[in-house]
Amino acid sequence: AELARVLGVWKPDLCFVSGWYFLIDKKTIDSIPMGMAGIHYSLLPAY
């Protein structure tokens, strides 16, 4: 839950996410201008 606070201070344009095992709420996601780029081990939308 502390993620939103840190991002609010750092104010990134884009985040890369790998090995984060927690859901990120919409408000936090929307606060990043270019969004968050995650890595998933499948050819989405499979698996």
All heavy atoms as atom14 arrays in JSON, in Angstrom:
{
  "sequence": "AELARVLGVWKPDLCFVSGWYFLIDKKTIDSIPMGMAGIHYSLLPAY",
  "atom14_mask": [
    [1, 1, 1, 1, 1, 0, 0, 0, 0, 0, 0, 0, 0, 0],
    [1, 1, 1, 1, 1, 1, 1, 1, 1, 0, 0, 0, 0, 0],
    [1, 1, 1, 1, 1, 1, 1, 1, 0, 0, 0, 0, 0, 0],
    [1, 1, 1, 1, 1, 0, 0, 0, 0, 0, 0, 0, 0, 0],
    [1, 1, 1, 1, 1, 1, 1, 1, 1, 1, 1, 0, 0, 0],
    [1, 1, 1, 1, 1, 1, 1, 0, 0, 0, 0, 0, 0, 0],
    [1, 1, 1, 1, 1, 1, 1, 1, 0, 0, 0, 0, 0, 0],
    [1, 1, 1, 1, 0, 0, 0, 0, 0, 0, 0, 0, 0, 0],
    [1, 1, 1, 1, 1, 1, 1, 0, 0, 0, 0, 0, 0, 0],
    [1, 1, 1, 1, 1, 1, 1, 1, 1, 1, 1, 1, 1, 1],
    [1, 1, 1, 1, 1, 1, 1, 1, 1, 0, 0, 0, 0, 0],
    [1, 1, 1, 1, 1, 1, 1, 0, 0, 0, 0, 0, 0, 0],
    [1, 1, 1, 1, 1, 1, 1, 1, 0, 0, 0, 0, 0, 0],
    [1, 1, 1, 1, 1, 1, 1, 1, 0, 0, 0, 0, 0, 0],
    [1, 1, 1, 1, 1, 1, 0, 0, 0, 0, 0, 0, 0, 0],
    [1, 1, 1, 1, 1, 1, 1, 1, 1, 1, 1, 0, 0, 0],
    [1, 1, 1, 1, 1, 1, 1, 0, 0, 0, 0, 0, 0, 0],
    [1, 1, 1, 1, 1, 1, 0, 0, 0, 0, 0, 0, 0, 0],
    [1, 1, 1, 1, 0, 0, 0, 0, 0, 0, 0, 0, 0, 0],
    [1, 1, 1, 1, 1, 1, 1, 1, 1, 1, 1, 1, 1, 1],
    [1, 1, 1, 1, 1, 1, 1, 1, 1, 1, 1, 1, 0, 0],
    [1, 1, 1, 1, 1, 1, 1, 1, 1, 1, 1, 0, 0, 0],
    [1, 1, 1, 1, 1, 1, 1, 1, 0, 0, 0, 0, 0, 0],
    [1, 1, 1, 1, 1, 1, 1, 1, 0, 0, 0, 0, 0, 0],
    [1, 1, 1, 1, 1, 1, 1, 1, 0, 0, 0, 0, 0, 0],
    [1, 1, 1, 1, 1, 1, 1, 1, 1, 0, 0, 0, 0, 0],
    [1, 1, 1, 1, 1, 1, 1, 1, 1, 0, 0, 0, 0, 0],
    [1, 1, 1, 1, 1, 1, 1, 0, 0, 0, 0, 0, 0, 0],
    [1, 1, 1, 1, 1, 1, 1, 1, 0, 0, 0, 0, 0, 0],
    [1, 1, 1, 1, 1, 1, 1, 1, 0, 0, 0, 0, 0, 0],
    [1, 1, 1, 1, 1, 1, 0, 0, 0, 0, 0, 0, 0, 0],
    [1, 1, 1, 1, 1, 1, 1, 1, 0, 0, 0, 0, 0, 0],
    [1, 1, 1, 1, 1, 1, 1, 0, 0, 0, 0, 0, 0, 0],
    [1, 1, 1, 1, 1, 1, 1, 1, 0, 0, 0, 0, 0, 0],
    [1, 1, 1, 1, 0, 0, 0, 0, 0, 0, 0, 0, 0, 0],
    [1, 1, 1, 1, 1, 1, 1, 1, 0, 0, 0, 0, 0, 0],
    [1, 1, 1, 1, 1, 0, 0, 0, 0, 0, 0, 0, 0, 0],
    [1, 1, 1, 1, 0, 0, 0, 0, 0, 0, 0, 0, 0, 0],
    [1, 1, 1, 1, 1, 1, 1, 1, 0, 0, 0, 0, 0, 0],
    [1, 1, 1, 1, 1, 1, 1, 1, 1, 1, 0, 0, 0, 0],
    [1, 1, 1, 1, 1, 1, 1, 1, 1, 1, 1, 1, 0, 0],
    [1, 1, 1, 1, 1, 1, 0, 0, 0, 0, 0, 0, 0, 0],
    [1, 1, 1, 1, 1, 1, 1, 1, 0, 0, 0, 0, 0, 0],
    [1, 1, 1, 1, 1, 1, 1, 1, 0, 0, 0, 0, 0, 0],
    [1, 1, 1, 1, 1, 1, 1, 0, 0, 0, 0, 0, 0, 0],
    [1, 1, 1, 1, 1, 0, 0, 0, 0, 0, 0, 0, 0, 0],
    [1, 1, 1, 1, 1, 1, 1, 1, 1, 1, 1, 1, 0, 0]
  ],
  "atom14_positions": [
    [[0.82, -1.22, 0.0], [0.0, 0.0, 0.0], [0.85, 1.27, 0.0], [0.35, 2.36, -0.31], [-0.93, 0.0, 1.21], [0.0, 0.0, 0.0], [0.0, 0.0, 0.0], [0.0, 0.0, 0.0], [0.0, 0.0, 0.0], [0.0, 0.0, 0.0], [0.0, 0.0, 0.0], [0.0, 0.0, 0.0], [0.0, 0.0, 0.0], [0.0, 0.0, 0.0]],
    [[2.14, 1.14, 0.33], [3.02, 2.3, 0.35], [3.47, 2.73, -1.05], [4.08, 3.79, -1.21], [4.26, 1.98, 1.19], [3.96, 1.69, 2.66], [5.18, 1.19, 3.41], [6.19, 0.86, 2.74], [5.14, 1.16, 4.64], [0.0, 0.0, 0.0], [0.0, 0.0, 0.0], [0.0, 0.0, 0.0], [0.0, 0.0, 0.0], [0.0, 0.0, 0.0]],
    [[3.17, 1.93, -2.05], [3.62, 2.21, -3.41], [3.13, 3.57, -3.91], [3.9, 4.35, -4.48], [3.17, 1.1, -4.36], [3.54, 1.27, -5.83], [5.05, 1.26, -6.01], [2.91, 0.16, -6.68], [0.0, 0.0, 0.0], [0.0, 0.0, 0.0], [0.0, 0.0, 0.0], [0.0, 0.0, 0.0], [0.0, 0.0, 0.0], [0.0, 0.0, 0.0]],
    [[1.85, 3.85, -3.71], [1.27, 5.1, -4.21], [1.99, 6.32, -3.62], [2.23, 7.31, -4.33], [-0.22, 5.15, -3.9], [0.0, 0.0, 0.0], [0.0, 0.0, 0.0], [0.0, 0.0, 0.0], [0.0, 0.0, 0.0], [0.0, 0.0, 0.0], [0.0, 0.0, 0.0], [0.0, 0.0, 0.0], [0.0, 0.0, 0.0], [0.0, 0.0, 0.0]],
    [[2.34, 6.25, -2.35], [3.01, 7.38, -1.7], [4.36, 7.66, -2.34], [4.68, 8.82, -2.66], [3.2, 7.07, -0.21], [4.05, 8.1, 0.53], [4.35, 7.68, 1.95], [5.05, 6.4, 2.05], [6.36, 6.26, 1.86], [7.11, 7.31, 1.53], [6.92, 5.07, 1.99], [0.0, 0.0, 0.0], [0.0, 0.0, 0.0], [0.0, 0.0, 0.0]],
    [[5.15, 6.62, -2.57], [6.48, 6.8, -3.15], [6.38, 7.33, -4.58], [7.11, 8.26, -4.96], [7.27, 5.48, -3.12], [8.63, 5.66, -3.77], [7.41, 4.99, -1.69], [0.0, 0.0, 0.0], [0.0, 0.0, 0.0], [0.0, 0.0, 0.0], [0.0, 0.0, 0.0], [0.0, 0.0, 0.0], [0.0, 0.0, 0.0], [0.0, 0.0, 0.0]],
    [[5.47, 6.77, -5.35], [5.31, 7.23, -6.73], [4.84, 8.68, -6.77], [5.23, 9.44, -7.67], [4.32, 6.33, -7.48], [4.79, 4.9, -7.75], [3.68, 4.08, -8.4], [6.04, 4.89, -8.63], [0.0, 0.0, 0.0], [0.0, 0.0, 0.0], [0.0, 0.0, 0.0], [0.0, 0.0, 0.0], [0.0, 0.0, 0.0], [0.0, 0.0, 0.0]],
    [[4.02, 9.06, -5.8], [3.56, 10.44, -5.72], [4.69, 11.42, -5.49], [4.66, 12.56, -5.96], [0.0, 0.0, 0.0], [0.0, 0.0, 0.0], [0.0, 0.0, 0.0], [0.0, 0.0, 0.0], [0.0, 0.0, 0.0], [0.0, 0.0, 0.0], [0.0, 0.0, 0.0], [0.0, 0.0, 0.0], [0.0, 0.0, 0.0], [0.0, 0.0, 0.0]],
    [[5.72, 10.97, -4.78], [6.89, 11.82, -4.52], [7.86, 11.8, -5.71], [8.38, 12.84, -6.12], [7.62, 11.35, -3.24], [8.91, 12.13, -3.05], [6.72, 11.49, -2.03], [0.0, 0.0, 0.0], [0.0, 0.0, 0.0], [0.0, 0.0, 0.0], [0.0, 0.0, 0.0], [0.0, 0.0, 0.0], [0.0, 0.0, 0.0], [0.0, 0.0, 0.0]],
    [[8.09, 10.63, -6.27], [9.07, 10.5, -7.34], [8.54, 11.0, -8.69], [9.32, 11.4, -9.54], [9.49, 9.04, -7.47], [10.37, 8.58, -6.33], [10.67, 9.26, -5.19], [11.04, 7.33, -6.25], [11.49, 8.52, -4.38], [11.75, 7.31, -5.0], [11.13, 6.21, -7.06], [12.52, 6.24, -4.59], [11.9, 5.14, -6.64], [12.59, 5.14, -5.43]],
    [[7.25, 10.9, -8.93], [6.59, 11.39, -10.14], [7.24, 10.89, -11.44], [7.7, 11.67, -12.27], [6.56, 12.92, -10.15], [5.8, 13.52, -8.97], [5.64, 15.0, -9.1], [4.95, 15.6, -7.88], [3.64, 14.97, -7.58], [0.0, 0.0, 0.0], [0.0, 0.0, 0.0], [0.0, 0.0, 0.0], [0.0, 0.0, 0.0], [0.0, 0.0, 0.0]],
    [[7.26, 9.58, -11.64], [7.82, 9.05, -12.89], [6.86, 9.26, -14.06], [5.65, 9.43, -13.88], [7.97, 7.56, -12.59], [6.89, 7.27, -11.6], [6.79, 8.51, -10.75], [0.0, 0.0, 0.0], [0.0, 0.0, 0.0], [0.0, 0.0, 0.0], [0.0, 0.0, 0.0], [0.0, 0.0, 0.0], [0.0, 0.0, 0.0], [0.0, 0.0, 0.0]],
    [[7.43, 9.24, -15.26], [6.6, 9.27, -16.48], [6.13, 7.87, -16.85], [5.06, 7.69, -17.43], [7.41, 9.86, -17.64], [7.8, 11.29, -17.41], [6.91, 12.14, -17.29], [9.02, 11.56, -17.31], [0.0, 0.0, 0.0], [0.0, 0.0, 0.0], [0.0, 0.0, 0.0], [0.0, 0.0, 0.0], [0.0, 0.0, 0.0], [0.0, 0.0, 0.0]],
    [[6.96, 6.88, -16.53], [6.67, 5.49, -16.9], [7.29, 4.56, -15.87], [8.38, 4.85, -15.35], [7.27, 5.2, -18.29], [7.19, 3.76, -18.83], [5.75, 3.39, -19.15], [8.06, 3.61, -20.08], [0.0, 0.0, 0.0], [0.0, 0.0, 0.0], [0.0, 0.0, 0.0], [0.0, 0.0, 0.0], [0.0, 0.0, 0.0], [0.0, 0.0, 0.0]],
    [[6.63, 3.46, -15.58], [7.17, 2.44, -14.68], [7.29, 1.11, -15.42], [6.41, 0.75, -16.21], [6.26, 2.24, -13.46], [6.11, 3.67, -12.38], [0.0, 0.0, 0.0], [0.0, 0.0, 0.0], [0.0, 0.0, 0.0], [0.0, 0.0, 0.0], [0.0, 0.0, 0.0], [0.0, 0.0, 0.0], [0.0, 0.0, 0.0], [0.0, 0.0, 0.0]],
    [[8.38, 0.41, -15.14], [8.53, -0.97, -15.6], [8.38, -1.87, -14.37], [9.0, -1.62, -13.33], [9.89, -1.2, -16.25], [9.96, -0.71, -17.67], [10.34, 0.59, -17.94], [9.65, -1.55, -18.72], [10.4, 1.06, -19.24], [9.7, -1.1, -20.04], [10.09, 0.21, -20.3], [0.0, 0.0, 0.0], [0.0, 0.0, 0.0], [0.0, 0.0, 0.0]],
    [[7.55, -2.91, -14.5], [7.2, -3.75, -13.36], [7.55, -5.2, -13.67], [7.13, -5.75, -14.68], [5.69, -3.64, -13.05], [5.34, -4.46, -11.81], [5.27, -2.18, -12.86], [0.0, 0.0, 0.0], [0.0, 0.0, 0.0], [0.0, 0.0, 0.0], [0.0, 0.0, 0.0], [0.0, 0.0, 0.0], [0.0, 0.0, 0.0], [0.0, 0.0, 0.0]],
    [[8.34, -5.82, -12.77], [8.69, -7.23, -12.93], [8.93, -7.84, -11.56], [9.73, -7.34, -10.78], [9.96, -7.38, -13.78], [10.36, -8.73, -13.87], [0.0, 0.0, 0.0], [0.0, 0.0, 0.0], [0.0, 0.0, 0.0], [0.0, 0.0, 0.0], [0.0, 0.0, 0.0], [0.0, 0.0, 0.0], [0.0, 0.0, 0.0], [0.0, 0.0, 0.0]],
    [[8.2, -8.91, -11.27], [8.34, -9.55, -9.97], [7.61, -8.81, -8.86], [8.05, -8.79, -7.72], [0.0, 0.0, 0.0], [0.0, 0.0, 0.0], [0.0, 0.0, 0.0], [0.0, 0.0, 0.0], [0.0, 0.0, 0.0], [0.0, 0.0, 0.0], [0.0, 0.0, 0.0], [0.0, 0.0, 0.0], [0.0, 0.0, 0.0], [0.0, 0.0, 0.0]],
    [[6.48, -8.2, -9.2], [5.64, -7.51, -8.22], [4.37, -8.32, -8.06], [3.56, -8.44, -8.98], [5.31, -6.09, -8.69], [4.62, -5.25, -7.67], [3.29, -4.95, -7.62], [5.21, -4.61, -6.54], [3.0, -4.15, -6.55], [4.17, -3.92, -5.85], [6.49, -4.54, -6.02], [4.4, -3.2, -4.7], [6.72, -3.81, -4.88], [5.68, -3.15, -4.23]],
    [[4.16, -8.91, -6.88], [3.1, -9.9, -6.7], [1.89, -9.31, -5.97], [1.24, -10.0, -5.18], [3.66, -11.11, -5.94], [4.81, -11.74, -6.68], [6.13, -11.43, -6.35], [4.58, -12.63, -7.74], [7.2, -12.0, -7.04], [5.64, -13.2, -8.43], [6.93, -12.88, -8.08], [7.98, -13.43, -8.78], [0.0, 0.0, 0.0], [0.0, 0.0, 0.0]],
    [[1.6, -8.05, -6.28], [0.48, -7.37, -5.64], [-0.31, -6.59, -6.68], [0.27, -6.04, -7.63], [0.98, -6.4, -4.55], [1.96, -7.02, -3.59], [3.33, -6.94, -3.83], [1.51, -7.69, -2.47], [4.24, -7.51, -2.96], [2.41, -8.27, -1.59], [3.78, -8.18, -1.84], [0.0, 0.0, 0.0], [0.0, 0.0, 0.0], [0.0, 0.0, 0.0]],
    [[-1.63, -6.55, -6.51], [-2.46, -5.76, -7.41], [-2.19, -4.28, -7.16], [-1.99, -3.84, -6.03], [-3.93, -6.07, -7.2], [-4.4, -7.47, -7.63], [-5.87, -7.67, -7.26], [-4.21, -7.66, -9.13], [0.0, 0.0, 0.0], [0.0, 0.0, 0.0], [0.0, 0.0, 0.0], [0.0, 0.0, 0.0], [0.0, 0.0, 0.0], [0.0, 0.0, 0.0]],
    [[-2.18, -3.51, -8.23], [-1.99, -2.06, -8.13], [-3.32, -1.4, -8.48], [-3.92, -1.68, -9.51], [-0.88, -1.59, -9.09], [0.42, -2.33, -8.78], [-0.68, -0.08, -8.98], [1.55, -2.03, -9.76], [0.0, 0.0, 0.0], [0.0, 0.0, 0.0], [0.0, 0.0, 0.0], [0.0, 0.0, 0.0], [0.0, 0.0, 0.0], [0.0, 0.0, 0.0]],
    [[-3.79, -0.53, -7.61], [-5.12, 0.07, -7.8], [-5.13, 1.05, -8.97], [-4.09, 1.6, -9.37], [-5.58, 0.77, -6.52], [-4.69, 1.94, -6.16], [-3.68, 1.73, -5.45], [-4.99, 3.07, -6.58], [0.0, 0.0, 0.0], [0.0, 0.0, 0.0], [0.0, 0.0, 0.0], [0.0, 0.0, 0.0], [0.0, 0.0, 0.0], [0.0, 0.0, 0.0]],
    [[-6.33, 1.27, -9.51], [-6.5, 2.1, -10.71], [-5.99, 3.53, -10.5], [-5.37, 4.11, -11.4], [-7.97, 2.11, -11.11], [-8.25, 2.82, -12.43], [-9.72, 2.71, -12.8], [-9.99, 3.28, -14.18], [-9.63, 4.71, -14.28], [0.0, 0.0, 0.0], [0.0, 0.0, 0.0], [0.0, 0.0, 0.0], [0.0, 0.0, 0.0], [0.0, 0.0, 0.0]],
    [[-6.24, 4.09, -9.33], [-5.81, 5.45, -9.08], [-4.29, 5.58, -9.18], [-3.78, 6.55, -9.77], [-6.29, 5.9, -7.69], [-5.97, 7.35, -7.37], [-6.52, 7.74, -6.0], [-6.18, 9.19, -5.67], [-6.7, 9.57, -4.32], [0.0, 0.0, 0.0], [0.0, 0.0, 0.0], [0.0, 0.0, 0.0], [0.0, 0.0, 0.0], [0.0, 0.0, 0.0]],
    [[-3.59, 4.61, -8.63], [-2.12, 4.63, -8.7], [-1.64, 4.45, -10.13], [-0.74, 5.16, -10.6], [-1.53, 3.53, -7.81], [-1.95, 3.73, -6.45], [-0.01, 3.55, -7.86], [0.0, 0.0, 0.0], [0.0, 0.0, 0.0], [0.0, 0.0, 0.0], [0.0, 0.0, 0.0], [0.0, 0.0, 0.0], [0.0, 0.0, 0.0], [0.0, 0.0, 0.0]],
    [[-2.25, 3.52, -10.85], [-1.88, 3.3, -12.25], [-2.11, 4.56, -13.07], [-1.24, 4.99, -13.85], [-2.68, 2.12, -12.84], [-2.32, 0.81, -12.13], [-2.42, 2.0, -14.34], [-3.24, -0.34, -12.48], [0.0, 0.0, 0.0], [0.0, 0.0, 0.0], [0.0, 0.0, 0.0], [0.0, 0.0, 0.0], [0.0, 0.0, 0.0], [0.0, 0.0, 0.0]],
    [[-3.27, 5.17, -12.88], [-3.63, 6.37, -13.66], [-2.77, 7.58, -13.32], [-2.73, 8.56, -14.08], [-5.11, 6.71, -13.45], [-6.04, 5.69, -14.07], [-5.57, 4.88, -14.9], [-7.24, 5.69, -13.73], [0.0, 0.0, 0.0], [0.0, 0.0, 0.0], [0.0, 0.0, 0.0], [0.0, 0.0, 0.0], [0.0, 0.0, 0.0], [0.0, 0.0, 0.0]],
    [[-2.07, 7.52, -12.18], [-1.23, 8.65, -11.8], [0.07, 8.7, -12.59], [0.8, 9.71, -12.53], [-0.92, 8.58, -10.3], [-0.01, 7.51, -10.02], [0.0, 0.0, 0.0], [0.0, 0.0, 0.0], [0.0, 0.0, 0.0], [0.0, 0.0, 0.0], [0.0, 0.0, 0.0], [0.0, 0.0, 0.0], [0.0, 0.0, 0.0], [0.0, 0.0, 0.0]],
    [[0.4, 7.64, -13.29], [1.62, 7.58, -14.09], [1.28, 7.98, -15.53], [0.52, 7.27, -16.2], [2.24, 6.17, -14.06], [2.35, 5.66, -12.62], [3.6, 6.17, -14.75], [3.16, 6.52, -11.69], [0.0, 0.0, 0.0], [0.0, 0.0, 0.0], [0.0, 0.0, 0.0], [0.0, 0.0, 0.0], [0.0, 0.0, 0.0], [0.0, 0.0, 0.0]],
    [[1.79, 9.11, -16.03], [1.38, 9.63, -17.34], [1.43, 8.63, -18.48], [0.5, 8.54, -19.29], [2.36, 10.79, -17.56], [2.73, 11.24, -16.19], [2.76, 10.0, -15.35], [0.0, 0.0, 0.0], [0.0, 0.0, 0.0], [0.0, 0.0, 0.0], [0.0, 0.0, 0.0], [0.0, 0.0, 0.0], [0.0, 0.0, 0.0], [0.0, 0.0, 0.0]],
    [[2.52, 7.84, -18.57], [2.65, 6.88, -19.66], [2.27, 5.46, -19.25], [2.37, 4.53, -20.04], [4.08, 6.9, -20.21], [4.5, 8.24, -20.8], [6.19, 8.21, -21.44], [6.03, 7.05, -22.79], [0.0, 0.0, 0.0], [0.0, 0.0, 0.0], [0.0, 0.0, 0.0], [0.0, 0.0, 0.0], [0.0, 0.0, 0.0], [0.0, 0.0, 0.0]],
    [[1.86, 5.32, -18.01], [1.4, 4.03, -17.53], [2.5, 3.15, -16.98], [3.63, 3.59, -16.75], [0.0, 0.0, 0.0], [0.0, 0.0, 0.0], [0.0, 0.0, 0.0], [0.0, 0.0, 0.0], [0.0, 0.0, 0.0], [0.0, 0.0, 0.0], [0.0, 0.0, 0.0], [0.0, 0.0, 0.0], [0.0, 0.0, 0.0], [0.0, 0.0, 0.0]],
    [[2.16, 1.88, -16.78], [3.08, 0.9, -16.23], [3.23, -0.26, -17.19], [2.23, -0.86, -17.62], [2.56, 0.37, -14.88], [2.48, 1.42, -13.8], [1.94, 0.68, -12.22], [2.23, 2.06, -11.1], [0.0, 0.0, 0.0], [0.0, 0.0, 0.0], [0.0, 0.0, 0.0], [0.0, 0.0, 0.0], [0.0, 0.0, 0.0], [0.0, 0.0, 0.0]],
    [[4.47, -0.58, -17.54], [4.76, -1.69, -18.44], [5.12, -2.91, -17.62], [6.16, -2.92, -16.95], [5.89, -1.32, -19.4], [0.0, 0.0, 0.0], [0.0, 0.0, 0.0], [0.0, 0.0, 0.0], [0.0, 0.0, 0.0], [0.0, 0.0, 0.0], [0.0, 0.0, 0.0], [0.0, 0.0, 0.0], [0.0, 0.0, 0.0], [0.0, 0.0, 0.0]],
    [[4.28, -3.92, -17.66], [4.53, -5.15, -16.91], [5.03, -6.26, -17.81], [4.87, -6.2, -19.04], [0.0, 0.0, 0.0], [0.0, 0.0, 0.0], [0.0, 0.0, 0.0], [0.0, 0.0, 0.0], [0.0, 0.0, 0.0], [0.0, 0.0, 0.0], [0.0, 0.0, 0.0], [0.0, 0.0, 0.0], [0.0, 0.0, 0.0], [0.0, 0.0, 0.0]],
    [[5.62, -7.27, -17.22], [6.09, -8.43, -17.96], [5.33, -9.65, -17.48], [5.32, -9.95, -16.29], [7.61, -8.62, -17.75], [8.37, -7.42, -18.32], [8.07, -9.92, -18.42], [9.83, -7.38, -17.94], [0.0, 0.0, 0.0], [0.0, 0.0, 0.0], [0.0, 0.0, 0.0], [0.0, 0.0, 0.0], [0.0, 0.0, 0.0], [0.0, 0.0, 0.0]],
    [[4.67, -10.32, -18.41], [3.9, -11.52, -18.07], [4.41, -12.67, -18.91], [4.68, -12.52, -20.1], [2.41, -11.3, -18.33], [1.55, -12.43, -17.85], [1.32, -12.67, -16.51], [0.89, -13.41, -18.52], [0.54, -13.72, -16.37], [0.27, -14.2, -17.58], [0.0, 0.0, 0.0], [0.0, 0.0, 0.0], [0.0, 0.0, 0.0], [0.0, 0.0, 0.0]],
    [[4.52, -13.85, -18.29], [5.1, -15.0, -18.97], [4.06, -15.81, -19.75], [3.85, -16.99, -19.48], [5.81, -15.89, -17.96], [7.11, -15.31, -17.42], [7.76, -15.9, -16.35], [7.68, -14.17, -17.96], [8.95, -15.38, -15.84], [8.85, -13.63, -17.47], [9.48, -14.25, -16.41], [10.66, -13.73, -15.93], [0.0, 0.0, 0.0], [0.0, 0.0, 0.0]],
    [[3.44, -15.15, -20.71], [2.56, -15.85, -21.64], [2.3, -14.94, -22.83], [2.6, -13.74, -22.79], [1.22, -16.23, -20.99], [0.34, -15.12, -20.95], [0.0, 0.0, 0.0], [0.0, 0.0, 0.0], [0.0, 0.0, 0.0], [0.0, 0.0, 0.0], [0.0, 0.0, 0.0], [0.0, 0.0, 0.0], [0.0, 0.0, 0.0], [0.0, 0.0, 0.0]],
    [[1.74, -15.52, -23.88], [1.25, -14.72, -25.0], [-0.18, -14.32, -24.67], [-1.12, -15.07, -24.95], [1.29, -15.53, -26.3], [2.64, -15.66, -27.01], [2.47, -16.49, -28.28], [3.23, -14.31, -27.35], [0.0, 0.0, 0.0], [0.0, 0.0, 0.0], [0.0, 0.0, 0.0], [0.0, 0.0, 0.0], [0.0, 0.0, 0.0], [0.0, 0.0, 0.0]],
    [[-0.32, -13.18, -24.05], [-1.66, -12.73, -23.66], [-2.56, -12.6, -24.88], [-2.09, -12.22, -25.95], [-1.54, -11.38, -22.93], [-0.82, -11.45, -21.58], [-0.53, -10.04, -21.06], [-1.64, -12.22, -20.57], [0.0, 0.0, 0.0], [0.0, 0.0, 0.0], [0.0, 0.0, 0.0], [0.0, 0.0, 0.0], [0.0, 0.0, 0.0], [0.0, 0.0, 0.0]],
    [[-3.87, -12.97, -24.74], [-4.61, -13.21, -23.5], [-4.59, -14.66, -23.0], [-5.35, -15.01, -22.1], [-6.04, -12.84, -23.9], [-6.13, -13.24, -25.34], [-4.77, -12.91, -25.91], [0.0, 0.0, 0.0], [0.0, 0.0, 0.0], [0.0, 0.0, 0.0], [0.0, 0.0, 0.0], [0.0, 0.0, 0.0], [0.0, 0.0, 0.0], [0.0, 0.0, 0.0]],
    [[-3.73, -15.52, -23.55], [-3.61, -16.88, -23.03], [-2.86, -16.86, -21.7], [-1.98, -16.02, -21.49], [-2.87, -17.76, -24.03], [0.0, 0.0, 0.0], [0.0, 0.0, 0.0], [0.0, 0.0, 0.0], [0.0, 0.0, 0.0], [0.0, 0.0, 0.0], [0.0, 0.0, 0.0], [0.0, 0.0, 0.0], [0.0, 0.0, 0.0], [0.0, 0.0, 0.0]],
    [[-3.23, -17.75, -20.82], [-2.54, -17.94, -19.55], [-2.41, -16.64, -18.73], [-1.35, -16.33, -18.21], [-1.16, -18.56, -19.77], [-1.23, -19.98, -20.28], [-1.05, -20.27, -21.63], [-1.5, -21.03, -19.42], [-1.13, -21.57, -22.11], [-1.58, -22.34, -19.89], [-1.4, -22.62, -21.23], [-1.48, -23.9, -21.7], [0.0, 0.0, 0.0], [0.0, 0.0, 0.0]]
  ]
}
